[in-house]
Amino acid sequence: MRDQNGPTGVPQSLLWASDDAPGFLKVGSWKFVSRFWSGNWEAYGPRTSCVDTFALSGKQIFLFSDCKYHRVRWFVGKLTEERTLDVETEGIADWGRLYASQSMDTPDGRRLLIGNIGHPGFCTGTKLLPIGGTDWNSMLSYPRQIHLDAQSSRLTFAPADELRTARVASTHVVVEPTTVSCGTPVALGSAQGNTREVRLSLQQWTNRTPGGSCGFQLRHASNGSSASPEAGCVLEVMFTAAPSVVVRSWCGSPGSSHEKAECLAGSDDAFNKSSLAGYCYNISLPVPSTATNGPSELSALIDRSVVEVFAAGGQVVISSGVFVDSESATAVVELTCDSGGGAVMAAEGWMLLKQ
């Protein structure tokens, strides 16, 4: 809502109530309760979209999507007697493309979140490049569980327990802790298609150098080495020496307009201009200091259009549209280091049922 002192305005959510269920659509059945939450235009954008509020572990949780940065934001606090939210902590639910999320309870008391993973083009007016003759738009995320950390009063996220039933047991592949150095990737396995789950543990990394990164790469099996891929699409999920988590994908052969170099521009924000082409995506997020002790672990859920990455104990989540391979392509996952000293990594992966 615009304020009277200028063109900025105040993003806010208003709480209304009706006792006239199921006839709550009648005119006059609603009454105003409170201004549940309000914030700063510069920080949160012009409005709160797709709002969601619920109780979790004795706290009141509030989430909304903003169109300024195309992010889902979360707030943890207490509900006052005036039915307003007294915010204690806040954060970002997903630093990637998750938008318009909504949550639900499960019979066993968990809270699940599902949303739209798309492109910020509908906020910016940017037209997506055609993928296979049609514009790629968006799709729903996998369900993820919401957890409230009692000590920090912050939310963390993880893939829903139910997704374990989608794992194809016969495709389970394990890489025991092994040293991976630059130029010598270690294969996690290959299979038809690319709907899969990958779990990675970076247990030791010696001689870290600026610009170095270690993690895994998903690519078409015919691409050859990661240093000189042929035409095709590639996805990388990497830890950097910063330490940060990096997710990037690109399509095309060297020299094309969508080669890897286009993705390597510095970015500390999910809303970076290099990603607006629709093919290329690059994001680098610092790992919270509270999560730097012990091995760095991440899990990734991947299909032909989307990757969802969970790192730092669920404190860092990145979801993005990606274009790795066709449905029938043979895709290979490799543990790899771009540069820097050797890293000791372990991993496991599964193909997921197509449903």
Protein backbone atom coordinates (compact mmCIF):
# COMPACT_ATOMS: atom_id res chain seq x y z
CA MET A 1 0.00 0.00 0.00
CA ARG A 2 1.30 3.44 -0.87
CA ASP A 3 2.04 5.71 2.04
CA GLN A 4 1.20 9.39 2.14
CA ASN A 5 4.81 10.55 2.23
CA GLY A 6 6.07 9.21 -1.09
CA PRO A 7 5.87 6.53 -3.77
CA THR A 8 7.42 3.71 -1.75
CA GLY A 9 4.60 2.25 0.28
CA VAL A 10 4.46 -0.47 2.91
CA PRO A 11 4.35 -4.20 2.13
CA GLN A 12 1.96 -5.77 4.59
CA SER A 13 -0.44 -8.62 5.25
CA LEU A 14 -3.83 -8.02 6.84
CA LEU A 15 -5.68 -10.62 8.90
CA TRP A 16 -9.43 -11.08 8.44
CA ALA A 17 -11.83 -13.59 10.01
CA SER A 18 -15.23 -15.07 9.30
CA ASP A 19 -17.53 -17.18 11.45
CA ASP A 20 -19.86 -17.83 8.53
CA ALA A 21 -18.40 -21.13 7.29
CA PRO A 22 -19.21 -22.55 4.83
CA GLY A 23 -20.90 -19.37 3.61
CA PHE A 24 -17.78 -17.28 3.99
CA LEU A 25 -18.00 -15.99 0.42
CA LYS A 26 -20.98 -13.84 1.31
CA VAL A 27 -20.48 -10.08 1.24
CA GLY A 28 -20.15 -8.76 4.76
CA SER A 29 -19.21 -12.08 6.36
CA TRP A 30 -15.60 -11.00 6.95
CA LYS A 31 -14.31 -8.72 9.68
CA PHE A 32 -10.91 -7.06 9.97
CA VAL A 33 -8.73 -8.45 12.77
CA SER A 34 -5.25 -6.92 12.52
CA ARG A 35 -2.35 -5.81 10.41
CA PHE A 36 -0.64 -9.16 10.88
CA TRP A 37 2.77 -8.14 9.47
CA SER A 38 4.29 -5.09 7.82
CA GLY A 39 7.78 -4.35 6.55
CA ASN A 40 10.06 -2.03 4.65
CA TRP A 41 9.60 -1.50 0.90
CA GLU A 42 13.34 -1.35 0.17
CA ALA A 43 13.98 -4.65 1.96
CA TYR A 44 10.93 -6.69 0.99
CA GLY A 45 9.51 -5.16 -2.18
CA PRO A 46 6.07 -3.72 -2.86
CA ARG A 47 3.84 -6.54 -1.61
CA THR A 48 3.48 -9.87 0.15
CA SER A 49 2.32 -12.61 -2.20
CA CYS A 50 1.16 -16.18 -1.54
CA VAL A 51 1.13 -15.70 2.23
CA ASP A 52 1.15 -18.67 4.59
CA THR A 53 1.10 -18.78 8.39
CA PHE A 54 0.93 -21.66 10.88
CA ALA A 55 2.10 -22.78 14.31
CA LEU A 56 5.22 -24.96 14.57
CA SER A 57 6.95 -26.14 17.76
CA GLY A 58 5.37 -23.42 19.85
CA LYS A 59 6.14 -20.57 17.44
CA GLN A 60 4.15 -18.76 14.77
CA ILE A 61 5.62 -19.10 11.28
CA PHE A 62 4.93 -16.67 8.45
CA LEU A 63 6.04 -17.05 4.83
CA PHE A 64 5.45 -14.98 1.72
CA SER A 65 6.86 -14.61 -1.79
CA ASP A 66 8.27 -11.27 -2.86
CA CYS A 67 8.42 -10.08 -6.44
CA LYS A 68 11.48 -7.90 -5.87
CA TYR A 69 13.96 -10.76 -5.61
CA HIS A 70 11.68 -13.68 -6.52
CA ARG A 71 12.21 -15.30 -3.12
CA VAL A 72 10.19 -17.05 -0.45
CA ARG A 73 10.90 -15.39 2.90
CA TRP A 74 10.23 -16.87 6.32
CA PHE A 75 9.65 -15.28 9.72
CA VAL A 76 9.54 -16.92 13.16
CA GLY A 77 7.91 -15.21 16.11
CA LYS A 78 5.03 -15.06 18.53
CA LEU A 79 1.40 -14.19 17.95
CA THR A 80 0.46 -11.25 20.18
CA GLU A 81 -2.88 -10.72 21.89
CA GLU A 82 -3.65 -8.21 19.13
CA ARG A 83 -3.13 -10.99 16.55
CA THR A 84 0.01 -9.46 15.08
CA LEU A 85 3.31 -11.24 14.51
CA ASP A 86 6.14 -10.31 16.86
CA VAL A 87 9.12 -11.37 14.70
CA GLU A 88 12.14 -12.96 16.40
CA THR A 89 14.12 -14.30 13.41
CA GLU A 90 13.80 -14.24 9.64
CA GLY A 91 15.49 -15.71 6.60
CA ILE A 92 15.20 -17.00 3.04
CA ALA A 93 13.47 -20.32 2.42
CA ASP A 94 15.12 -20.80 -0.97
CA TRP A 95 17.82 -18.71 -2.67
CA GLY A 96 16.86 -20.00 -6.09
CA ARG A 97 13.63 -20.06 -8.06
CA LEU A 98 11.09 -21.30 -5.50
CA TYR A 99 7.98 -19.11 -5.50
CA ALA A 100 4.33 -19.17 -4.42
CA SER A 101 4.90 -21.87 -1.80
CA GLN A 102 2.23 -23.24 0.50
CA SER A 103 2.49 -25.68 3.39
CA MET A 104 0.43 -28.48 4.88
CA ASP A 105 0.37 -30.74 7.94
CA THR A 106 1.00 -34.47 7.77
CA PRO A 107 -0.86 -37.03 9.92
CA ASP A 108 2.31 -37.66 11.94
CA GLY A 109 2.78 -33.97 12.81
CA ARG A 110 5.35 -32.84 10.25
CA ARG A 111 5.00 -29.70 8.12
CA LEU A 112 5.58 -29.98 4.37
CA LEU A 113 6.20 -27.17 1.90
CA ILE A 114 5.64 -27.27 -1.84
CA GLY A 115 5.93 -24.45 -4.35
CA ASN A 116 6.51 -23.36 -7.90
CA ILE A 117 10.05 -23.51 -9.32
CA GLY A 118 10.09 -21.21 -12.28
CA HIS A 119 11.78 -18.24 -13.79
CA PRO A 120 11.69 -14.60 -12.65
CA GLY A 121 10.60 -13.59 -16.14
CA PHE A 122 7.01 -13.07 -15.00
CA CYS A 123 8.30 -10.48 -12.52
CA THR A 124 10.81 -8.81 -14.85
CA GLY A 125 9.11 -9.21 -18.21
CA THR A 126 12.06 -11.22 -19.54
CA LYS A 127 11.09 -13.71 -22.25
CA LEU A 128 12.50 -17.21 -21.89
CA LEU A 129 14.47 -18.73 -24.71
CA PRO A 130 12.72 -21.66 -26.40
CA ILE A 131 13.65 -25.12 -25.19
CA GLY A 132 12.83 -27.72 -27.81
CA GLY A 133 10.53 -25.31 -29.59
CA THR A 134 8.53 -24.18 -26.57
CA ASP A 135 9.13 -21.70 -23.77
CA TRP A 136 10.06 -23.40 -20.50
CA ASN A 137 7.83 -22.01 -17.81
CA SER A 138 7.78 -23.70 -14.42
CA MET A 139 6.93 -26.81 -12.43
CA LEU A 140 6.11 -27.79 -8.86
CA SER A 141 8.88 -28.57 -6.41
CA TYR A 142 9.31 -31.83 -4.59
CA PRO A 143 7.76 -31.62 -1.09
CA ARG A 144 10.22 -30.54 1.58
CA GLN A 145 9.99 -30.74 5.37
CA ILE A 146 10.17 -27.64 7.56
CA HIS A 147 12.06 -27.89 10.84
CA LEU A 148 12.38 -25.23 13.54
CA ASP A 149 15.71 -25.28 15.33
CA ALA A 150 14.91 -24.67 19.01
CA GLN A 151 18.29 -23.09 19.82
CA SER A 152 18.58 -20.64 16.94
CA SER A 153 14.83 -20.19 16.32
CA ARG A 154 15.54 -20.54 12.60
CA LEU A 155 13.92 -22.70 9.94
CA THR A 156 15.73 -25.45 8.06
CA PHE A 157 14.49 -27.55 5.16
CA ALA A 158 15.01 -31.11 3.91
CA PRO A 159 13.48 -33.39 1.26
CA ALA A 160 10.30 -35.00 2.57
CA ASP A 161 10.68 -38.47 4.07
CA GLU A 162 8.13 -39.78 1.56
CA LEU A 163 10.60 -39.24 -1.29
CA ARG A 164 12.66 -42.19 -0.07
CA THR A 165 10.00 -44.48 -1.54
CA ALA A 166 10.85 -43.10 -5.00
CA ARG A 167 14.40 -44.44 -4.84
CA VAL A 168 15.04 -47.38 -7.16
CA ALA A 169 16.98 -49.77 -4.94
CA SER A 170 18.73 -51.55 -7.81
CA THR A 171 20.33 -48.26 -8.92
CA HIS A 172 21.91 -47.46 -5.56
CA VAL A 173 25.56 -46.50 -6.13
CA VAL A 174 28.10 -45.65 -3.43
CA VAL A 175 31.52 -44.00 -3.62
CA GLU A 176 33.48 -44.59 -0.42
CA PRO A 177 35.71 -41.72 0.77
CA THR A 178 38.23 -41.15 -2.01
CA THR A 179 40.63 -38.41 -3.07
CA VAL A 180 39.47 -36.41 -6.08
CA SER A 181 41.89 -33.99 -7.72
CA CYS A 182 41.61 -31.56 -10.59
CA GLY A 183 41.29 -33.36 -13.93
CA THR A 184 40.63 -36.81 -12.45
CA PRO A 185 36.89 -37.15 -11.81
CA VAL A 186 35.45 -40.19 -10.05
CA ALA A 187 32.26 -41.62 -11.53
CA LEU A 188 29.25 -42.16 -9.30
CA GLY A 189 27.55 -44.07 -12.09
CA SER A 190 25.51 -43.62 -15.25
CA ALA A 191 22.00 -44.64 -16.20
CA GLN A 192 19.26 -43.85 -18.66
CA GLY A 193 17.51 -40.61 -17.81
CA ASN A 194 18.37 -38.09 -15.14
CA THR A 195 15.66 -38.21 -12.46
CA ARG A 196 17.83 -38.97 -9.48
CA GLU A 197 19.01 -38.16 -5.98
CA VAL A 198 22.65 -37.45 -5.15
CA ARG A 199 24.13 -37.12 -1.65
CA LEU A 200 27.65 -35.75 -1.31
CA SER A 201 30.02 -35.42 1.63
CA LEU A 202 33.18 -33.33 1.26
CA GLN A 203 35.21 -34.66 4.18
CA GLN A 204 38.61 -33.06 3.64
CA TRP A 205 40.01 -30.46 1.27
CA THR A 206 43.70 -29.65 1.40
CA ASN A 207 45.43 -26.67 -0.19
CA ARG A 208 42.25 -24.80 -0.98
CA THR A 209 42.92 -22.03 -3.47
CA PRO A 210 40.79 -19.01 -4.40
CA GLY A 211 38.48 -19.94 -7.23
CA GLY A 212 38.71 -23.65 -6.49
CA SER A 213 35.55 -25.75 -6.28
CA CYS A 214 34.78 -29.40 -5.61
CA GLY A 215 31.52 -31.29 -5.88
CA PHE A 216 29.68 -33.25 -8.54
CA GLN A 217 28.72 -32.80 -12.17
CA LEU A 218 25.82 -34.33 -14.09
CA ARG A 219 26.32 -34.43 -17.86
CA HIS A 220 25.44 -36.38 -20.98
CA ALA A 221 27.66 -39.47 -21.23
CA SER A 222 28.82 -38.45 -24.72
CA ASN A 223 30.09 -35.09 -23.53
CA GLY A 224 33.54 -36.49 -22.84
CA SER A 225 35.61 -34.91 -20.09
CA SER A 226 34.26 -31.94 -18.20
CA ALA A 227 37.19 -29.92 -19.52
CA SER A 228 36.06 -30.20 -23.14
CA PRO A 229 32.37 -31.09 -23.35
CA GLU A 230 30.73 -31.62 -26.70
CA ALA A 231 27.27 -30.28 -27.44
CA GLY A 232 24.97 -30.99 -24.54
CA CYS A 233 23.88 -29.70 -21.17
CA VAL A 234 25.71 -29.86 -17.87
CA LEU A 235 24.79 -29.31 -14.22
CA GLU A 236 27.34 -28.61 -11.47
CA VAL A 237 26.74 -28.55 -7.72
CA MET A 238 29.96 -27.52 -5.99
CA PHE A 239 31.53 -26.35 -2.77
CA THR A 240 34.01 -23.49 -3.16
CA ALA A 241 37.02 -22.47 -1.11
CA ALA A 242 35.08 -19.47 0.24
CA PRO A 243 33.32 -21.64 1.61
CA SER A 244 30.21 -21.33 -0.53
CA VAL A 245 27.73 -23.52 -2.36
CA VAL A 246 27.54 -23.04 -6.13
CA VAL A 247 24.87 -24.32 -8.49
CA ARG A 248 25.33 -23.71 -12.21
CA SER A 249 24.03 -25.23 -15.41
CA TRP A 250 24.68 -24.49 -19.05
CA CYS A 251 23.94 -25.86 -22.49
CA GLY A 252 25.84 -25.86 -25.76
CA SER A 253 29.34 -26.53 -26.98
CA PRO A 254 32.39 -24.28 -26.42
CA GLY A 255 31.99 -21.13 -28.46
CA SER A 256 28.20 -21.17 -28.32
CA SER A 257 26.20 -18.39 -26.72
CA HIS A 258 25.36 -20.64 -23.76
CA GLU A 259 28.74 -22.09 -22.91
CA LYS A 260 30.00 -22.42 -19.36
CA ALA A 261 31.91 -19.11 -19.44
CA GLU A 262 28.61 -17.25 -19.50
CA CYS A 263 27.76 -18.80 -16.14
CA LEU A 264 30.95 -17.88 -14.36
CA ALA A 265 30.30 -14.19 -13.78
CA GLY A 266 30.52 -13.31 -10.10
CA SER A 267 27.19 -13.49 -8.33
CA ASP A 268 26.21 -13.33 -4.69
CA ASP A 269 22.51 -13.06 -5.41
CA ALA A 270 20.05 -15.56 -6.83
CA PHE A 271 18.54 -12.83 -8.98
CA ASN A 272 21.56 -12.44 -11.24
CA LYS A 273 21.30 -11.19 -14.80
CA SER A 274 23.31 -13.99 -16.38
CA SER A 275 20.52 -16.42 -15.52
CA LEU A 276 17.75 -14.54 -17.30
CA ALA A 277 18.48 -16.27 -20.62
CA GLY A 278 16.79 -19.37 -19.25
CA TYR A 279 19.64 -21.81 -19.99
CA CYS A 280 22.36 -20.45 -17.76
CA TYR A 281 22.25 -20.35 -13.99
CA ASN A 282 24.91 -19.41 -11.47
CA ILE A 283 24.58 -18.75 -7.77
CA SER A 284 27.17 -18.68 -4.99
CA LEU A 285 26.00 -18.65 -1.39
CA PRO A 286 28.15 -18.44 1.76
CA VAL A 287 27.83 -21.42 4.07
CA PRO A 288 26.70 -20.22 7.54
CA SER A 289 29.49 -20.17 10.10
CA THR A 290 27.41 -22.43 12.34
CA ALA A 291 27.62 -25.17 9.70
CA THR A 292 31.34 -25.14 8.88
CA ASN A 293 32.43 -27.66 11.51
CA GLY A 294 32.81 -31.22 10.29
CA PRO A 295 32.25 -32.47 6.76
CA SER A 296 30.37 -30.34 4.24
CA GLU A 297 27.33 -32.29 3.11
CA LEU A 298 24.63 -31.68 0.56
CA SER A 299 21.80 -33.53 -1.12
CA ALA A 300 20.34 -32.79 -4.54
CA LEU A 301 17.12 -33.90 -6.23
CA ILE A 302 17.38 -33.66 -10.01
CA ASP A 303 15.14 -34.23 -12.99
CA ARG A 304 15.25 -32.98 -16.56
CA SER A 305 13.99 -29.49 -15.65
CA VAL A 306 14.83 -28.76 -12.02
CA VAL A 307 17.51 -29.22 -9.39
CA GLU A 308 16.82 -28.75 -5.66
CA VAL A 309 19.93 -28.53 -3.48
CA PHE A 310 19.99 -28.72 0.34
CA ALA A 311 23.23 -27.83 2.14
CA ALA A 312 24.52 -26.70 5.54
CA GLY A 313 22.02 -28.83 7.40
CA GLY A 314 19.13 -27.36 5.43
CA GLN A 315 20.10 -23.75 6.15
CA VAL A 316 21.01 -23.17 2.49
CA VAL A 317 18.52 -24.30 -0.17
CA ILE A 318 18.85 -23.53 -3.88
CA SER A 319 16.26 -24.53 -6.49
CA SER A 320 16.63 -23.78 -10.17
CA GLY A 321 15.42 -24.69 -13.60
CA VAL A 322 18.13 -26.67 -15.38
CA PHE A 323 18.45 -28.40 -18.72
CA VAL A 324 20.76 -31.36 -18.30
CA ASP A 325 19.65 -34.02 -20.76
CA SER A 326 16.69 -35.44 -22.62
CA GLU A 327 14.45 -38.04 -20.99
CA SER A 328 16.16 -40.94 -22.75
CA ALA A 329 19.73 -39.71 -22.56
CA THR A 330 22.45 -41.60 -20.72
CA ALA A 331 23.57 -39.26 -17.95
CA VAL A 332 26.71 -39.70 -15.85
CA VAL A 333 27.43 -38.26 -12.40
CA GLU A 334 31.07 -37.53 -11.54
CA LEU A 335 32.76 -36.24 -8.41
CA THR A 336 35.08 -33.51 -9.62
CA CYS A 337 37.31 -30.60 -8.60
CA ASP A 338 37.74 -27.62 -10.91
CA SER A 339 41.03 -26.53 -9.34
CA GLY A 340 42.87 -26.47 -6.06
CA GLY A 341 44.28 -29.32 -3.99
CA GLY A 342 42.84 -32.77 -3.65
CA ALA A 343 39.56 -33.27 -1.82
CA VAL A 344 38.35 -36.36 -0.02
CA MET A 345 34.72 -36.93 -1.01
CA ALA A 346 32.12 -39.63 -0.53
CA ALA A 347 28.78 -39.91 -2.30
CA GLU A 348 25.78 -42.07 -2.99
CA GLY A 349 22.99 -41.83 -5.50
CA TRP A 350 19.75 -43.36 -6.72
CA MET A 351 17.60 -43.13 -9.78
CA LEU A 352 14.09 -41.99 -8.86
CA LEU A 353 10.84 -43.46 -10.08
CA LYS A 354 9.13 -41.48 -12.82
CA GLN A 355 5.59 -40.86 -11.63
